[in-house]
Amino acid sequence: MDLKTLLVSFLICALLQYVIQKFFIKNNLFDDINHRSSHNTFATRTGGIGVFLTLLLISLFYYFNGVKIFDYSLFIPLGIMFIVGVYDDFYNADFKLKFFFQIIVAKILIDQGYVVVDLQGFFGINQIPWLLAQAFTIFAFLVIVNAFNFIDGIDGLAITITITTLVLVTLLSSELTDITILNQLLISSLLPLYYYNFKKTHKIFLGDGGSLLLGSIVSVSLFSILDGEFKIIYDLPLNRALLAVLLIIYPLLDLTRVFFIRITNGKSPFTADKNHIHHLFIRKFSAPVTILIITAISILPFLLYILFYL
């Protein structure tokens, strides 16, 4: 993807975030402040709306000019996840309803070719029968999407982990692909949110629309790594399944830890609380320092694995 397009996507998203928030402020659509909030000032959950519209506008421009920069049919599953998330932002959708739509989206992605059929010996598993492969892919999609939804708890964390993951995926690829182009567009669209996340007043958060969108795109990126058509740089003989896990090790650990604590305490694993790993750090450090620590922790296993081969 050329630098000009990435700069345009950055500027479009920055402008859209401002305009959309003005509309929400005018209609008194603010994010509620409660015991779980990481903010004590006016904020809107409109970040995901701006990001999705930016991706859509850039894609429509290229589409109507007859240029295919990536598989535009991805907007069907991504759009469904985005709409479900926005609905949840406004109406607090039941987790069973969100799960239902997440399963539908996972099945759409499978039919589009994003399916895990080989774990390359990870946990002693190689080729997976087709029906089991579909079930496993759906399960993996649910885990990844909800893991990224769970880490969206403090300013800048979800977008930082997403950007870090997608940058590493892009660097791993030895060639420009549909997925790496989509990742680059998403990264450039996410960057303006740092400014809006860390403002003193009138903050803009991703919202569930944003976090579910990010989790879905990360899922597609990881599924593409497991595909043999994804060429790893320098032809490193890496276990692709282990690589995918290491790329999102922090969201996975946080999800597992929170689920275990909630179930142990006799609560639903989807009951919101402040037992996430980032809540432990934020009690001692500022949000930027917490993000730096968590990011360093999350990329360390990946880097050690790569350095082992280099």
Protein backbone atom coordinates (compact mmCIF):
# COMPACT_ATOMS: atom_id res chain seq x y z
CA MET A 1 0.00 0.00 0.00
CA ASP A 2 1.42 3.37 -1.04
CA LEU A 3 2.21 6.00 1.58
CA LYS A 4 -0.22 8.50 0.04
CA THR A 5 -3.22 6.21 0.61
CA LEU A 6 -2.14 5.49 4.18
CA LEU A 7 -1.81 9.21 4.87
CA VAL A 8 -5.26 9.83 3.38
CA SER A 9 -6.80 7.10 5.54
CA PHE A 10 -5.15 8.65 8.60
CA LEU A 11 -6.57 12.10 7.79
CA ILE A 12 -10.02 10.79 6.90
CA CYS A 13 -10.27 8.84 10.16
CA ALA A 14 -9.06 11.81 12.22
CA LEU A 15 -11.73 14.02 10.62
CA LEU A 16 -14.47 11.41 10.93
CA GLN A 17 -13.72 10.88 14.61
CA TYR A 18 -14.16 14.61 15.23
CA VAL A 19 -17.37 14.92 13.21
CA ILE A 20 -18.99 11.77 14.59
CA GLN A 21 -18.22 12.75 18.17
CA LYS A 22 -19.75 16.20 17.60
CA PHE A 23 -22.95 14.48 16.43
CA PHE A 24 -23.00 12.22 19.49
CA ILE A 25 -22.33 15.13 21.85
CA LYS A 26 -25.14 17.13 20.25
CA ASN A 27 -27.51 14.23 20.92
CA ASN A 28 -26.19 13.59 24.47
CA LEU A 29 -24.92 10.11 23.59
CA PHE A 30 -22.09 9.77 26.10
CA ASP A 31 -20.40 6.70 27.52
CA ASP A 32 -21.72 5.92 31.00
CA ILE A 33 -19.38 6.49 33.93
CA ASN A 34 -19.57 3.62 36.44
CA HIS A 35 -17.39 1.61 38.83
CA ARG A 36 -15.61 -0.09 35.92
CA SER A 37 -14.84 3.07 33.95
CA SER A 38 -11.24 4.12 33.37
CA HIS A 39 -12.39 7.72 32.81
CA ASN A 40 -14.21 10.38 34.81
CA THR A 41 -14.99 12.80 32.01
CA PHE A 42 -17.28 12.93 28.99
CA ALA A 43 -16.43 10.28 26.40
CA THR A 44 -18.08 8.63 23.42
CA ARG A 45 -17.76 5.08 22.16
CA THR A 46 -17.45 6.15 18.54
CA GLY A 47 -13.87 5.17 17.67
CA GLY A 48 -14.89 1.97 15.91
CA ILE A 49 -17.44 3.83 13.78
CA GLY A 50 -14.78 6.19 12.46
CA VAL A 51 -12.34 3.34 11.75
CA PHE A 52 -14.91 1.20 9.94
CA LEU A 53 -16.17 4.11 7.82
CA THR A 54 -12.60 5.01 6.89
CA LEU A 55 -11.88 1.47 5.67
CA LEU A 56 -15.18 1.47 3.80
CA LEU A 57 -14.61 4.83 2.09
CA ILE A 58 -11.07 3.95 0.98
CA SER A 59 -12.27 0.59 -0.33
CA LEU A 60 -15.22 2.13 -2.18
CA PHE A 61 -12.89 4.61 -3.87
CA TYR A 62 -10.67 1.84 -5.20
CA TYR A 63 -13.64 -0.41 -5.99
CA PHE A 64 -15.37 2.17 -8.21
CA ASN A 65 -12.04 2.84 -9.92
CA GLY A 66 -11.73 -0.85 -10.75
CA VAL A 67 -8.79 -1.47 -8.43
CA LYS A 68 -8.76 -4.45 -6.06
CA ILE A 69 -6.51 -3.77 -3.08
CA PHE A 70 -7.88 -6.70 -1.05
CA ASP A 71 -10.85 -9.05 -1.01
CA TYR A 72 -13.79 -6.64 -0.61
CA SER A 73 -16.12 -9.52 0.29
CA LEU A 74 -14.49 -9.39 3.73
CA PHE A 75 -16.72 -6.40 4.42
CA ILE A 76 -19.66 -8.79 4.78
CA PRO A 77 -18.38 -10.61 7.91
CA LEU A 78 -16.52 -7.54 9.19
CA GLY A 79 -19.62 -5.39 8.71
CA ILE A 80 -21.78 -7.85 10.64
CA MET A 81 -19.35 -7.86 13.57
CA PHE A 82 -19.15 -4.08 13.52
CA ILE A 83 -22.96 -3.67 13.53
CA VAL A 84 -23.35 -6.21 16.36
CA GLY A 85 -20.75 -4.27 18.38
CA VAL A 86 -22.43 -0.90 17.77
CA TYR A 87 -25.78 -2.41 18.76
CA ASP A 88 -24.15 -3.68 21.96
CA ASP A 89 -22.74 -0.19 22.66
CA PHE A 90 -26.24 1.27 22.61
CA TYR A 91 -28.41 -1.54 23.97
CA ASN A 92 -26.10 -3.84 25.98
CA ALA A 93 -26.83 -6.95 23.93
CA ASP A 94 -26.97 -10.31 25.68
CA PHE A 95 -23.74 -12.28 25.25
CA LYS A 96 -25.69 -15.21 23.76
CA LEU A 97 -26.91 -12.96 20.94
CA LYS A 98 -23.36 -11.77 20.27
CA PHE A 99 -22.12 -15.37 20.29
CA PHE A 100 -24.80 -16.31 17.76
CA PHE A 101 -23.67 -13.65 15.30
CA GLN A 102 -20.00 -14.40 15.95
CA ILE A 103 -20.61 -18.04 14.97
CA ILE A 104 -22.39 -16.89 11.79
CA VAL A 105 -19.46 -14.61 10.91
CA ALA A 106 -16.96 -17.39 11.59
CA LYS A 107 -18.88 -19.67 9.21
CA ILE A 108 -18.87 -16.95 6.52
CA LEU A 109 -15.09 -16.62 6.89
CA ILE A 110 -14.73 -20.39 6.60
CA ASP A 111 -16.71 -20.34 3.35
CA GLN A 112 -14.41 -17.55 2.13
CA GLY A 113 -11.40 -19.82 2.70
CA TYR A 114 -10.24 -18.74 6.16
CA VAL A 115 -10.23 -22.12 7.88
CA VAL A 116 -7.65 -23.89 10.06
CA VAL A 117 -6.96 -27.34 8.63
CA ASP A 118 -3.38 -27.99 9.82
CA LEU A 119 -1.72 -27.26 13.17
CA GLN A 120 1.70 -28.56 12.03
CA GLY A 121 2.16 -30.78 15.06
CA PHE A 122 1.14 -28.14 17.61
CA PHE A 123 -0.16 -30.12 20.62
CA GLY A 124 0.56 -33.20 18.52
CA ILE A 125 -2.07 -32.27 15.92
CA ASN A 126 -1.43 -32.05 12.20
CA GLN A 127 -4.14 -32.36 9.56
CA ILE A 128 -7.68 -31.82 10.86
CA PRO A 129 -10.73 -33.49 9.24
CA TRP A 130 -12.94 -30.96 7.43
CA LEU A 131 -15.87 -30.93 9.88
CA LEU A 132 -13.55 -30.71 12.89
CA ALA A 133 -11.54 -28.01 11.12
CA GLN A 134 -14.68 -25.89 10.77
CA ALA A 135 -15.60 -26.40 14.42
CA PHE A 136 -12.07 -25.55 15.53
CA THR A 137 -11.99 -22.42 13.34
CA ILE A 138 -15.28 -21.22 14.84
CA PHE A 139 -13.92 -21.83 18.33
CA ALA A 140 -10.67 -20.02 17.52
CA PHE A 141 -12.58 -17.07 16.08
CA LEU A 142 -14.75 -16.79 19.21
CA VAL A 143 -11.69 -16.89 21.46
CA ILE A 144 -9.72 -14.27 19.51
CA VAL A 145 -12.61 -11.83 19.06
CA ASN A 146 -13.63 -11.96 22.70
CA ALA A 147 -10.02 -11.80 23.90
CA PHE A 148 -9.56 -8.50 22.07
CA ASN A 149 -12.91 -7.27 23.36
CA PHE A 150 -11.77 -8.03 26.91
CA ILE A 151 -8.53 -6.02 26.73
CA ASP A 152 -10.36 -2.86 25.68
CA GLY A 153 -10.35 -1.54 29.24
CA ILE A 154 -7.88 1.34 29.48
CA ASP A 155 -6.88 4.18 27.17
CA GLY A 156 -4.93 2.99 24.15
CA LEU A 157 -4.39 -0.66 25.14
CA ALA A 158 -6.58 -2.44 22.58
CA ILE A 159 -5.37 -0.31 19.67
CA THR A 160 -1.73 -0.76 20.74
CA ILE A 161 -1.99 -4.56 20.98
CA THR A 162 -3.84 -4.65 17.66
CA ILE A 163 -1.29 -2.44 15.90
CA THR A 164 1.60 -4.44 17.37
CA THR A 165 0.07 -7.73 16.23
CA LEU A 166 -0.69 -6.50 12.72
CA VAL A 167 2.76 -4.91 12.32
CA LEU A 168 4.39 -8.23 13.26
CA VAL A 169 2.12 -10.12 10.84
CA THR A 170 3.07 -7.68 8.06
CA LEU A 171 6.78 -7.99 8.84
CA LEU A 172 6.49 -11.79 8.80
CA SER A 173 5.11 -11.78 5.27
CA SER A 174 7.69 -11.97 2.49
CA GLU A 175 5.26 -10.41 0.02
CA LEU A 176 2.41 -7.90 -0.09
CA THR A 177 -0.91 -9.72 0.23
CA ASP A 178 -4.59 -8.81 0.60
CA ILE A 179 -4.31 -9.24 4.35
CA THR A 180 -1.16 -7.14 4.77
CA ILE A 181 -2.77 -4.33 2.74
CA LEU A 182 -5.90 -4.44 4.91
CA ASN A 183 -3.68 -4.45 8.00
CA GLN A 184 -1.77 -1.38 6.83
CA LEU A 185 -5.02 0.51 6.19
CA LEU A 186 -6.34 -0.44 9.61
CA ILE A 187 -3.12 0.64 11.35
CA SER A 188 -3.15 4.06 9.67
CA SER A 189 -6.83 4.46 10.61
CA LEU A 190 -6.18 3.55 14.25
CA LEU A 191 -3.35 6.02 14.83
CA PRO A 192 -5.61 9.12 15.27
CA LEU A 193 -7.33 7.34 18.15
CA TYR A 194 -4.25 7.81 20.32
CA TYR A 195 -4.94 11.52 20.39
CA TYR A 196 -8.64 11.06 21.14
CA ASN A 197 -8.01 8.29 23.71
CA PHE A 198 -5.62 10.38 25.79
CA LYS A 199 -7.44 13.72 25.67
CA LYS A 200 -8.29 15.17 29.06
CA THR A 201 -11.91 15.79 28.06
CA HIS A 202 -14.25 14.52 25.35
CA LYS A 203 -12.40 11.27 24.88
CA ILE A 204 -13.21 8.80 22.11
CA PHE A 205 -13.15 5.10 22.87
CA LEU A 206 -13.30 2.18 20.45
CA GLY A 207 -16.54 0.82 21.80
CA ASP A 208 -17.61 -2.78 21.19
CA GLY A 209 -18.12 -1.91 17.53
CA GLY A 210 -14.41 -1.14 17.32
CA SER A 211 -13.09 -3.94 19.49
CA LEU A 212 -15.13 -6.62 17.70
CA LEU A 213 -13.98 -5.22 14.35
CA LEU A 214 -10.33 -5.31 15.45
CA GLY A 215 -10.65 -8.83 16.84
CA SER A 216 -12.20 -10.00 13.57
CA ILE A 217 -9.42 -8.53 11.42
CA VAL A 218 -6.75 -10.00 13.72
CA SER A 219 -8.50 -13.38 13.40
CA VAL A 220 -8.40 -13.19 9.61
CA SER A 221 -4.72 -12.24 9.76
CA LEU A 222 -3.86 -15.19 11.99
CA PHE A 223 -5.91 -17.62 9.89
CA SER A 224 -4.01 -16.41 6.83
CA ILE A 225 -0.69 -17.26 8.54
CA LEU A 226 -1.91 -20.83 9.02
CA ASP A 227 -2.57 -20.99 5.28
CA GLY A 228 0.34 -22.41 3.31
CA GLU A 229 -0.03 -19.58 0.77
CA PHE A 230 1.25 -17.10 3.39
CA LYS A 231 4.99 -16.90 2.68
CA ILE A 232 7.06 -16.31 5.81
CA ILE A 233 10.07 -14.04 5.38
CA TYR A 234 13.42 -15.80 4.80
CA ASP A 235 11.44 -19.10 4.61
CA LEU A 236 11.95 -19.56 8.34
CA PRO A 237 10.81 -23.07 9.39
CA LEU A 238 8.43 -21.74 12.01
CA ASN A 239 5.47 -23.62 13.43
CA ARG A 240 2.64 -21.45 12.12
CA ALA A 241 0.14 -22.50 14.81
CA LEU A 242 2.58 -21.66 17.63
CA LEU A 243 3.41 -18.42 15.83
CA ALA A 244 -0.26 -17.41 15.75
CA VAL A 245 -0.63 -18.12 19.47
CA LEU A 246 2.50 -16.12 20.38
CA LEU A 247 1.28 -13.13 18.36
CA ILE A 248 -1.75 -12.75 20.65
CA ILE A 249 -0.34 -14.28 23.82
CA TYR A 250 -1.40 -11.39 26.07
CA PRO A 251 -5.09 -11.30 25.06
CA LEU A 252 -5.22 -15.09 25.37
CA LEU A 253 -3.64 -15.11 28.84
CA ASP A 254 -5.91 -12.31 30.03
CA LEU A 255 -9.03 -14.07 28.72
CA THR A 256 -8.03 -17.38 30.33
CA ARG A 257 -7.17 -15.74 33.65
CA VAL A 258 -10.40 -13.74 33.84
CA PHE A 259 -12.56 -16.72 32.90
CA PHE A 260 -10.89 -18.87 35.58
CA ILE A 261 -11.34 -16.21 38.30
CA ARG A 262 -14.99 -15.60 37.44
CA ILE A 263 -15.92 -19.27 37.23
CA THR A 264 -14.04 -20.00 40.47
CA ASN A 265 -16.06 -17.23 42.16
CA GLY A 266 -19.31 -18.72 40.88
CA LYS A 267 -19.92 -15.92 38.37
CA SER A 268 -20.64 -15.93 34.67
CA PRO A 269 -17.38 -15.70 32.68
CA PHE A 270 -18.98 -12.78 30.82
CA THR A 271 -19.73 -10.73 33.94
CA ALA A 272 -17.80 -7.47 33.72
CA ASP A 273 -15.31 -6.75 36.51
CA LYS A 274 -11.89 -5.22 37.16
CA ASN A 275 -9.85 -8.42 37.39
CA HIS A 276 -8.05 -8.01 34.08
CA ILE A 277 -4.25 -7.94 33.98
CA HIS A 278 -4.26 -4.30 32.88
CA HIS A 279 -6.26 -3.40 35.99
CA LEU A 280 -3.43 -4.78 38.14
CA PHE A 281 -0.87 -2.57 36.40
CA ILE A 282 -3.03 0.56 36.24
CA ARG A 283 -3.25 0.60 40.04
CA LYS A 284 0.51 1.24 40.20
CA PHE A 285 1.34 2.91 36.89
CA SER A 286 -0.12 5.43 34.49
CA ALA A 287 -1.96 4.24 31.38
CA PRO A 288 0.98 4.91 28.99
CA VAL A 289 3.43 3.05 31.26
CA THR A 290 0.97 0.18 31.65
CA ILE A 291 0.62 -0.07 27.87
CA LEU A 292 4.41 -0.12 27.40
CA ILE A 293 4.84 -2.87 29.99
CA ILE A 294 2.04 -5.04 28.58
CA THR A 295 3.23 -4.53 24.99
CA ALA A 296 6.77 -5.54 25.94
CA ILE A 297 5.46 -8.62 27.74
CA SER A 298 3.26 -9.58 24.80
CA ILE A 299 5.94 -9.36 22.08
CA LEU A 300 8.78 -10.94 24.08
CA PRO A 301 7.79 -14.61 23.52
CA PHE A 302 7.32 -13.93 19.80
CA LEU A 303 10.73 -12.27 19.48
CA LEU A 304 12.46 -15.05 21.41
CA TYR A 305 10.88 -17.63 19.12
CA ILE A 306 12.05 -15.78 15.99
CA LEU A 307 15.55 -15.20 17.38
CA PHE A 308 15.83 -18.90 18.15
CA TYR A 309 15.82 -19.57 14.37
CA LEU A 310 17.81 -16.52 13.31
